[in-house]
C-alpha atoms as a PDB file:
ATOM      1  CA  PHE A   1     134.341 110.915  81.491  1.00  0.00           C
ATOM      2  CA  VAL A   2     132.873 110.536  77.765  1.00  0.00           C
ATOM      3  CA  ARG A   3     135.764 110.011  75.993  1.00  0.00           C
ATOM      4  CA  THR A   4     134.372 110.898  72.604  1.00  0.00           C
ATOM      5  CA  LEU A   5     134.084 114.473  74.521  1.00  0.00           C
ATOM      6  CA  GLU A   6     136.643 117.168  75.562  1.00  0.00           C
ATOM      7  CA  ALA A   7     137.189 116.369  78.471  1.00  0.00           C
ATOM      8  CA  GLY A   8     141.389 118.267  79.234  1.00  0.00           C
ATOM      9  CA  ARG A   9     144.360 115.161  79.963  1.00  0.00           C
ATOM     10  CA  HIS A  10     143.139 115.744  84.273  1.00  0.00           C
ATOM     11  CA  PRO A  11     139.871 116.977  84.153  1.00  0.00           C
ATOM     12  CA  LYS A  12     138.675 117.544  87.371  1.00  0.00           C
ATOM     13  CA  PRO A  13     135.605 115.092  89.443  1.00  0.00           C
ATOM     14  CA  SER A  14     132.948 118.008  89.041  1.00  0.00           C
ATOM     15  CA  GLU A  15     134.030 117.890  85.302  1.00  0.00           C
ATOM     16  CA  SER A  16     132.409 114.511  84.480  1.00  0.00           C
ATOM     17  CA  HIS A  17     130.095 113.436  81.898  1.00  0.00           C
ATOM     18  CA  ILE A  18     128.349 111.305  83.776  1.00  0.00           C
ATOM     19  CA  GLN A  19     128.142 111.779  87.897  1.00  0.00           C
ATOM     20  CA  LEU A  20     125.874 109.316  89.998  1.00  0.00           C
ATOM     21  CA  ARG A  21     126.878 107.647  93.982  1.00  0.00           C
ATOM     22  CA  LEU A  22     127.730 104.069  94.363  1.00  0.00           C
ATOM     23  CA  GLU A  23     124.768 102.774  95.787  1.00  0.00           C
ATOM     24  CA  GLY A  24     122.327 104.652  92.348  1.00  0.00           C
ATOM     25  CA  LEU A  25     124.231 102.616  90.360  1.00  0.00           C
ATOM     26  CA  ILE A  26     123.458  99.423  91.988  1.00  0.00           C
ATOM     27  CA  PRO A  27     119.825 100.419  94.054  1.00  0.00           C
ATOM     28  CA  SER A  28     119.729  96.752  95.005  1.00  0.00           C
ATOM     29  CA  ALA A  29     123.055  96.864  97.155  1.00  0.00           C
ATOM     30  CA  GLU A  30     121.990 100.591  98.785  1.00  0.00           C
ATOM     31  CA  ASP A  31     121.363  99.319 102.041  1.00  0.00           C
ATOM     32  CA  ARG A  32     124.609  96.632 102.348  1.00  0.00           C
ATOM     33  CA  ILE A  33     126.780 100.085 100.791  1.00  0.00           C
ATOM     34  CA  LYS A  34     125.616 102.403 103.671  1.00  0.00           C
ATOM     35  CA  GLU A  35     126.248  99.996 106.207  1.00  0.00           C
ATOM     36  CA  LEU A  36     129.852  99.440 104.594  1.00  0.00           C
ATOM     37  CA  LEU A  37     130.815 102.662 103.915  1.00  0.00           C
ATOM     38  CA  ASP A  38     129.593 104.081 107.713  1.00  0.00           C
ATOM     39  CA  PHE A  39     132.332 103.702 109.783  1.00  0.00           C
ATOM     40  CA  SER A  40     129.968 104.688 112.974  1.00  0.00           C
ATOM     41  CA  PHE A  41     128.041 101.435 112.188  1.00  0.00           C
ATOM     42  CA  GLU A  42     129.494  98.158 114.434  1.00  0.00           C
ATOM     43  CA  MET A  43     131.249  95.901 111.887  1.00  0.00           C
ATOM     44  CA  PRO A  44     134.193  93.556 112.132  1.00  0.00           C
ATOM     45  CA  GLU A  45     136.742  94.960 110.518  1.00  0.00           C
ATOM     46  CA  ALA A  46     136.937  91.668 108.682  1.00  0.00           C
ATOM     47  CA  GLU A  47     133.837  91.905 107.587  1.00  0.00           C
ATOM     48  CA  ARG A  48     133.823  95.180 106.478  1.00  0.00           C
ATOM     49  CA  ILE A  49     137.066  94.790 104.125  1.00  0.00           C
ATOM     50  CA  GLY A  50     135.330  91.578 102.637  1.00  0.00           C
ATOM     51  CA  GLY A  51     131.567  92.935 102.100  1.00  0.00           C
ATOM     52  CA  LEU A  52     133.746  95.717  99.451  1.00  0.00           C
ATOM     53  CA  CYS A  53     135.595  93.756  98.064  1.00  0.00           C
ATOM     54  CA  GLU A  54     132.345  91.682  97.136  1.00  0.00           C
ATOM     55  CA  LEU A  55     130.906  94.650  95.682  1.00  0.00           C
ATOM     56  CA  LEU A  56     133.847  96.051  94.028  1.00  0.00           C
ATOM     57  CA  GLU A  57     134.649  92.546  92.163  1.00  0.00           C
ATOM     58  CA  HIS A  58     131.626  91.492  91.417  1.00  0.00           C
ATOM     59  CA  GLN A  59     128.837  94.183  91.235  1.00  0.00           C
ATOM     60  CA  LEU A  60     130.984  97.256  90.330  1.00  0.00           C
ATOM     61  CA  LEU A  61     133.463  95.830  88.351  1.00  0.00           C
ATOM     62  CA  PRO A  62     131.245  94.760  85.411  1.00  0.00           C
ATOM     63  CA  LEU A  63     129.830  97.583  85.283  1.00  0.00           C
ATOM     64  CA  ILE A  64     132.626  99.645  85.080  1.00  0.00           C
ATOM     65  CA  GLN A  65     133.700  97.423  82.558  1.00  0.00           C
ATOM     66  CA  ARG A  66     130.689  97.327  80.552  1.00  0.00           C
ATOM     67  CA  GLY A  67     130.547 101.128  80.807  1.00  0.00           C
ATOM     68  CA  SER A  68     133.828 101.616  79.207  1.00  0.00           C
ATOM     69  CA  SER A  69     132.724 102.346  76.254  1.00  0.00           C
ATOM     70  CA  VAL A  70     129.769 103.586  74.187  1.00  0.00           C
ATOM     71  CA  THR A  71     127.819 101.218  73.530  1.00  0.00           C
ATOM     72  CA  GLY A  72     128.680  99.723  76.141  1.00  0.00           C
ATOM     73  CA  LEU A  73     127.048 103.581  78.181  1.00  0.00           C
ATOM     74  CA  ARG A  74     124.161 103.520  75.430  1.00  0.00           C
ATOM     75  CA  SER A  75     123.078 100.019  77.045  1.00  0.00           C
ATOM     76  CA  MET A  76     123.353 100.912  80.613  1.00  0.00           C
ATOM     77  CA  LEU A  77     120.973 103.756  80.065  1.00  0.00           C
ATOM     78  CA  ALA A  78     118.456 101.955  78.533  1.00  0.00           C
ATOM     79  CA  GLU A  79     118.509  99.306  80.838  1.00  0.00           C
ATOM     80  CA  GLY A  80     118.087 102.411  83.750  1.00  0.00           C
ATOM     81  CA  TYR A  81     121.390 102.573  85.615  1.00  0.00           C
ATOM     82  CA  PHE A  82     121.690 106.187  84.837  1.00  0.00           C
ATOM     83  CA  LYS A  83     118.095 106.746  87.030  1.00  0.00           C
ATOM     84  CA  ARG A  84     120.049 108.942  89.905  1.00  0.00           C
ATOM     85  CA  ALA A  85     122.785 110.150  87.412  1.00  0.00           C
ATOM     86  CA  ALA A  86     123.403 113.291  86.205  1.00  0.00           C
ATOM     87  CA  ILE A  87     124.506 113.473  82.729  1.00  0.00           C
ATOM     88  CA  THR A  88     125.762 116.442  81.146  1.00  0.00           C
ATOM     89  CA  GLY A  89     124.324 118.029  77.938  1.00  0.00           C
ATOM     90  CA  PRO A  90     127.109 116.763  76.285  1.00  0.00           C
ATOM     91  CA  ALA A  91     127.307 113.511  76.860  1.00  0.00           C
ATOM     92  CA  GLN A  92     123.143 113.252  76.817  1.00  0.00           C
ATOM     93  CA  GLN A  93     123.831 113.687  73.235  1.00  0.00           C
ATOM     94  CA  VAL A  94     126.453 111.204  72.537  1.00  0.00           C
ATOM     95  CA  LEU A  95     124.044 108.190  74.541  1.00  0.00           C
ATOM     96  CA  SER A  96     121.535 109.349  72.698  1.00  0.00           C
ATOM     97  CA  GLY A  97     123.169 108.692  69.540  1.00  0.00           C
ATOM     98  CA  SER A  98     122.821 112.309  68.139  1.00  0.00           C
END
């Protein structure tokens, strides 16, 4: 959710201003993400847990922190992080600075 836009106190996920799958945000890790989240893919439990923790801590958390401001979101947009994202019209206006 973009805080500068009206979202209500408890908005539904379908009302998100920016929607993006994890593998779309980190395309370099797309295959690894799919393996880690596919429980039919044979993998030791410790490896799966460790891989998810590593991915979340070292790749996703820094992006979440960076995207916690409009300035950060704008830079992420400029760098192509949202190529595979669904961005609402109002959020597009905020991110473009209009």
